[in-house]
Amino acid sequence: MTRLTRDDVLRAVRNADDVTIARIIASGATVTELAEAQAWLANDEPLMNAGKPLVTGRTRELVDILSELEPGDDDEPGERGPPIVPQE
């Protein structure tokens, strides 16, 4: 399992500030877990309907961190990079 690097995070989350990047890396998550967290944020309802269990552990921590970057009703849409594809 490959731990996330700053470059991995920046490719996946373009609008992440240094604190958020540090939090994501400090979670100890892998590239695969970041990709899974992004999938949940983008498609949580279809994944639940498909019977996927709710995320837990590091992936859940990433979902929580990434959801803080989501624009609110009054915010401009955030700029998120394409989902990363694990290269293992």
N, C-alpha and C. Protein backbone atom coordinates (compact mmCIF):
# COMPACT_ATOMS: atom_id res chain seq x y z
N MET A 1 0.84 -1.18 0.00
CA MET A 1 0.00 0.00 0.00
C MET A 1 0.89 1.24 0.00
N THR A 2 0.60 2.12 -0.91
CA THR A 2 1.36 3.34 -1.04
C THR A 2 0.67 4.47 -0.30
N ARG A 3 1.40 5.10 0.59
CA ARG A 3 0.86 6.25 1.32
C ARG A 3 0.77 7.45 0.39
N LEU A 4 -0.13 8.33 0.71
CA LEU A 4 -0.33 9.53 -0.10
C LEU A 4 0.85 10.49 0.01
N THR A 5 1.13 11.13 -1.10
CA THR A 5 2.13 12.19 -1.12
C THR A 5 1.41 13.51 -1.37
N ARG A 6 2.13 14.59 -1.20
CA ARG A 6 1.56 15.92 -1.47
C ARG A 6 1.10 16.00 -2.93
N ASP A 7 1.89 15.46 -3.85
CA ASP A 7 1.52 15.48 -5.26
C ASP A 7 0.24 14.70 -5.52
N ASP A 8 0.08 13.55 -4.86
CA ASP A 8 -1.16 12.76 -5.00
C ASP A 8 -2.37 13.60 -4.59
N VAL A 9 -2.24 14.27 -3.46
CA VAL A 9 -3.36 15.06 -2.94
C VAL A 9 -3.66 16.23 -3.87
N LEU A 10 -2.63 16.92 -4.33
CA LEU A 10 -2.84 18.07 -5.22
C LEU A 10 -3.47 17.66 -6.55
N ARG A 11 -3.11 16.47 -7.06
CA ARG A 11 -3.73 15.99 -8.29
C ARG A 11 -5.21 15.71 -8.08
N ALA A 12 -5.56 15.21 -6.92
CA ALA A 12 -6.94 14.82 -6.65
C ALA A 12 -7.81 15.96 -6.15
N VAL A 13 -7.22 16.89 -5.40
CA VAL A 13 -7.99 17.95 -4.75
C VAL A 13 -7.28 19.27 -5.03
N ARG A 14 -7.60 19.88 -6.12
CA ARG A 14 -6.88 21.08 -6.55
C ARG A 14 -7.05 22.27 -5.63
N ASN A 15 -8.18 22.37 -4.96
CA ASN A 15 -8.44 23.54 -4.13
C ASN A 15 -8.02 23.34 -2.67
N ALA A 16 -7.22 22.31 -2.40
CA ALA A 16 -6.81 22.04 -1.03
C ALA A 16 -5.71 23.00 -0.60
N ASP A 17 -5.87 23.54 0.60
CA ASP A 17 -4.83 24.40 1.15
C ASP A 17 -3.81 23.52 1.89
N ASP A 18 -2.73 24.14 2.35
CA ASP A 18 -1.66 23.38 2.99
C ASP A 18 -2.12 22.62 4.23
N VAL A 19 -3.01 23.21 5.00
CA VAL A 19 -3.50 22.54 6.21
C VAL A 19 -4.31 21.31 5.83
N THR A 20 -5.17 21.43 4.83
CA THR A 20 -5.98 20.30 4.40
C THR A 20 -5.09 19.19 3.83
N ILE A 21 -4.11 19.58 3.04
CA ILE A 21 -3.18 18.60 2.48
C ILE A 21 -2.48 17.85 3.61
N ALA A 22 -2.03 18.58 4.60
CA ALA A 22 -1.35 17.96 5.75
C ALA A 22 -2.28 17.02 6.50
N ARG A 23 -3.54 17.42 6.68
CA ARG A 23 -4.51 16.56 7.37
C ARG A 23 -4.75 15.27 6.59
N ILE A 24 -4.85 15.38 5.26
CA ILE A 24 -5.08 14.20 4.44
C ILE A 24 -3.88 13.26 4.52
N ILE A 25 -2.68 13.79 4.40
CA ILE A 25 -1.48 12.96 4.48
C ILE A 25 -1.34 12.35 5.87
N ALA A 26 -1.61 13.15 6.91
CA ALA A 26 -1.49 12.68 8.30
C ALA A 26 -2.49 11.56 8.63
N SER A 27 -3.55 11.46 7.85
CA SER A 27 -4.53 10.39 8.11
C SER A 27 -3.92 9.01 7.90
N GLY A 28 -2.81 8.96 7.16
CA GLY A 28 -2.17 7.68 6.89
C GLY A 28 -2.85 6.91 5.77
N ALA A 29 -3.75 7.58 5.07
CA ALA A 29 -4.51 6.93 4.01
C ALA A 29 -3.65 6.62 2.79
N THR A 30 -4.16 5.70 1.99
CA THR A 30 -3.50 5.33 0.75
C THR A 30 -4.17 6.01 -0.43
N VAL A 31 -3.56 5.89 -1.59
CA VAL A 31 -4.14 6.43 -2.81
C VAL A 31 -5.51 5.77 -3.06
N THR A 32 -5.61 4.50 -2.80
CA THR A 32 -6.86 3.77 -2.98
C THR A 32 -7.95 4.32 -2.07
N GLU A 33 -7.60 4.59 -0.82
CA GLU A 33 -8.58 5.13 0.13
C GLU A 33 -9.04 6.53 -0.28
N LEU A 34 -8.13 7.35 -0.79
CA LEU A 34 -8.52 8.68 -1.26
C LEU A 34 -9.46 8.56 -2.45
N ALA A 35 -9.18 7.65 -3.37
CA ALA A 35 -10.05 7.44 -4.52
C ALA A 35 -11.44 6.97 -4.06
N GLU A 36 -11.48 6.10 -3.07
CA GLU A 36 -12.76 5.62 -2.55
C GLU A 36 -13.53 6.76 -1.87
N ALA A 37 -12.84 7.60 -1.13
CA ALA A 37 -13.50 8.73 -0.48
C ALA A 37 -14.08 9.69 -1.52
N GLN A 38 -13.33 9.92 -2.59
CA GLN A 38 -13.83 10.78 -3.66
C GLN A 38 -15.06 10.17 -4.32
N ALA A 39 -15.04 8.86 -4.51
CA ALA A 39 -16.19 8.19 -5.11
C ALA A 39 -17.42 8.35 -4.23
N TRP A 40 -17.25 8.22 -2.92
CA TRP A 40 -18.38 8.40 -2.01
C TRP A 40 -18.93 9.81 -2.05
N LEU A 41 -18.04 10.79 -2.11
CA LEU A 41 -18.50 12.17 -2.16
C LEU A 41 -19.24 12.47 -3.45
N ALA A 42 -18.80 11.89 -4.53
CA ALA A 42 -19.41 12.15 -5.83
C ALA A 42 -20.69 11.35 -6.05
N ASN A 43 -20.77 10.17 -5.43
CA ASN A 43 -21.86 9.24 -5.75
C ASN A 43 -22.40 8.50 -4.54
N ASP A 44 -22.55 9.18 -3.40
CA ASP A 44 -22.94 8.46 -2.20
C ASP A 44 -24.28 7.73 -2.32
N GLU A 45 -25.27 8.36 -2.92
CA GLU A 45 -26.58 7.73 -3.01
C GLU A 45 -26.56 6.47 -3.89
N PRO A 46 -25.97 6.53 -5.11
CA PRO A 46 -25.91 5.31 -5.91
C PRO A 46 -25.12 4.19 -5.24
N LEU A 47 -24.04 4.54 -4.53
CA LEU A 47 -23.26 3.51 -3.85
C LEU A 47 -24.07 2.85 -2.74
N MET A 48 -24.83 3.64 -1.99
CA MET A 48 -25.68 3.07 -0.94
C MET A 48 -26.77 2.20 -1.56
N ASN A 49 -27.36 2.66 -2.67
CA ASN A 49 -28.39 1.89 -3.33
C ASN A 49 -27.85 0.58 -3.89
N ALA A 50 -26.58 0.54 -4.21
CA ALA A 50 -25.95 -0.68 -4.73
C ALA A 50 -25.56 -1.62 -3.59
N GLY A 51 -25.85 -1.22 -2.35
CA GLY A 51 -25.58 -2.08 -1.21
C GLY A 51 -24.18 -1.97 -0.66
N LYS A 52 -23.41 -0.96 -1.09
CA LYS A 52 -22.07 -0.78 -0.55
C LYS A 52 -22.18 -0.35 0.90
N PRO A 53 -21.38 -0.94 1.78
CA PRO A 53 -21.41 -0.50 3.19
C PRO A 53 -20.87 0.92 3.31
N LEU A 54 -21.34 1.62 4.32
CA LEU A 54 -20.83 2.97 4.58
C LEU A 54 -19.34 2.90 4.88
N VAL A 55 -18.64 3.94 4.49
CA VAL A 55 -17.19 3.95 4.69
C VAL A 55 -16.86 4.11 6.16
N THR A 56 -15.72 3.56 6.53
CA THR A 56 -15.24 3.63 7.91
C THR A 56 -13.73 3.89 7.88
N GLY A 57 -13.18 4.08 9.03
CA GLY A 57 -11.74 4.19 9.17
C GLY A 57 -11.15 5.41 8.47
N ARG A 58 -10.00 5.18 7.83
CA ARG A 58 -9.30 6.28 7.17
C ARG A 58 -10.11 6.86 6.02
N THR A 59 -10.83 6.00 5.31
CA THR A 59 -11.65 6.50 4.20
C THR A 59 -12.72 7.43 4.73
N ARG A 60 -13.32 7.10 5.85
CA ARG A 60 -14.34 7.97 6.46
C ARG A 60 -13.70 9.30 6.88
N GLU A 61 -12.50 9.24 7.43
CA GLU A 61 -11.80 10.47 7.82
C GLU A 61 -11.57 11.35 6.59
N LEU A 62 -11.18 10.74 5.47
CA LEU A 62 -10.98 11.50 4.24
C LEU A 62 -12.28 12.10 3.74
N VAL A 63 -13.37 11.35 3.81
CA VAL A 63 -14.68 11.88 3.40
C VAL A 63 -15.00 13.12 4.22
N ASP A 64 -14.76 13.05 5.52
CA ASP A 64 -15.03 14.19 6.39
C ASP A 64 -14.17 15.40 6.02
N ILE A 65 -12.88 15.16 5.77
CA ILE A 65 -11.98 16.26 5.41
C ILE A 65 -12.39 16.86 4.07
N LEU A 66 -12.62 16.00 3.08
CA LEU A 66 -12.97 16.48 1.74
C LEU A 66 -14.32 17.17 1.71
N SER A 67 -15.25 16.73 2.55
CA SER A 67 -16.57 17.36 2.56
C SER A 67 -16.50 18.79 3.08
N GLU A 68 -15.48 19.10 3.88
CA GLU A 68 -15.29 20.48 4.34
C GLU A 68 -14.92 21.40 3.19
N LEU A 69 -14.40 20.84 2.11
CA LEU A 69 -14.03 21.62 0.93
C LEU A 69 -15.20 21.85 -0.01
N GLU A 70 -16.28 21.10 0.20
CA GLU A 70 -17.46 21.24 -0.65
C GLU A 70 -18.05 22.63 -0.48
N PRO A 71 -18.45 23.25 -1.58
CA PRO A 71 -19.06 24.58 -1.46
C PRO A 71 -20.42 24.49 -0.77
N GLY A 72 -20.71 25.51 0.03
CA GLY A 72 -22.03 25.62 0.64
C GLY A 72 -23.00 26.24 -0.34
N ASP A 73 -24.22 26.49 0.06
CA ASP A 73 -25.22 27.08 -0.82
C ASP A 73 -24.80 28.45 -1.34
N ASP A 74 -24.07 29.21 -0.51
CA ASP A 74 -23.68 30.56 -0.89
C ASP A 74 -22.30 30.63 -1.54
N ASP A 75 -21.59 29.51 -1.56
CA ASP A 75 -20.23 29.49 -2.08
C ASP A 75 -20.22 29.21 -3.58
N GLU A 76 -19.11 29.58 -4.19
CA GLU A 76 -18.89 29.22 -5.59
C GLU A 76 -18.52 27.75 -5.63
N PRO A 77 -18.81 27.08 -6.73
CA PRO A 77 -18.41 25.68 -6.83
C PRO A 77 -16.90 25.53 -6.69
N GLY A 78 -16.47 24.52 -5.94
CA GLY A 78 -15.05 24.29 -5.75
C GLY A 78 -14.46 23.61 -6.97
N GLU A 79 -13.16 23.70 -7.07
CA GLU A 79 -12.47 23.06 -8.19
C GLU A 79 -11.81 21.80 -7.67
N ARG A 80 -12.30 20.67 -8.10
CA ARG A 80 -11.76 19.39 -7.69
C ARG A 80 -11.19 18.72 -8.92
N GLY A 81 -10.03 18.13 -8.76
CA GLY A 81 -9.41 17.43 -9.87
C GLY A 81 -10.14 16.14 -10.16
N PRO A 82 -9.73 15.47 -11.21
CA PRO A 82 -10.36 14.19 -11.54
C PRO A 82 -10.02 13.16 -10.47
N PRO A 83 -10.89 12.19 -10.28
CA PRO A 83 -10.57 11.16 -9.29
C PRO A 83 -9.25 10.49 -9.64
N ILE A 84 -8.47 10.18 -8.62
CA ILE A 84 -7.21 9.54 -8.89
C ILE A 84 -7.43 8.05 -9.05
N VAL A 85 -6.61 7.43 -9.85
CA VAL A 85 -6.69 6.00 -10.08
C VAL A 85 -5.48 5.37 -9.44
N PRO A 86 -5.70 4.45 -8.49
CA PRO A 86 -4.56 3.82 -7.83
C PRO A 86 -3.66 3.10 -8.83
N GLN A 87 -2.37 3.25 -8.69
CA GLN A 87 -1.41 2.58 -9.54
C GLN A 87 -0.58 1.66 -8.70
N GLU A 88 -1.08 0.48 -8.47
CA GLU A 88 -0.38 -0.47 -7.59
C GLU A 88 0.21 -1.60 -8.39
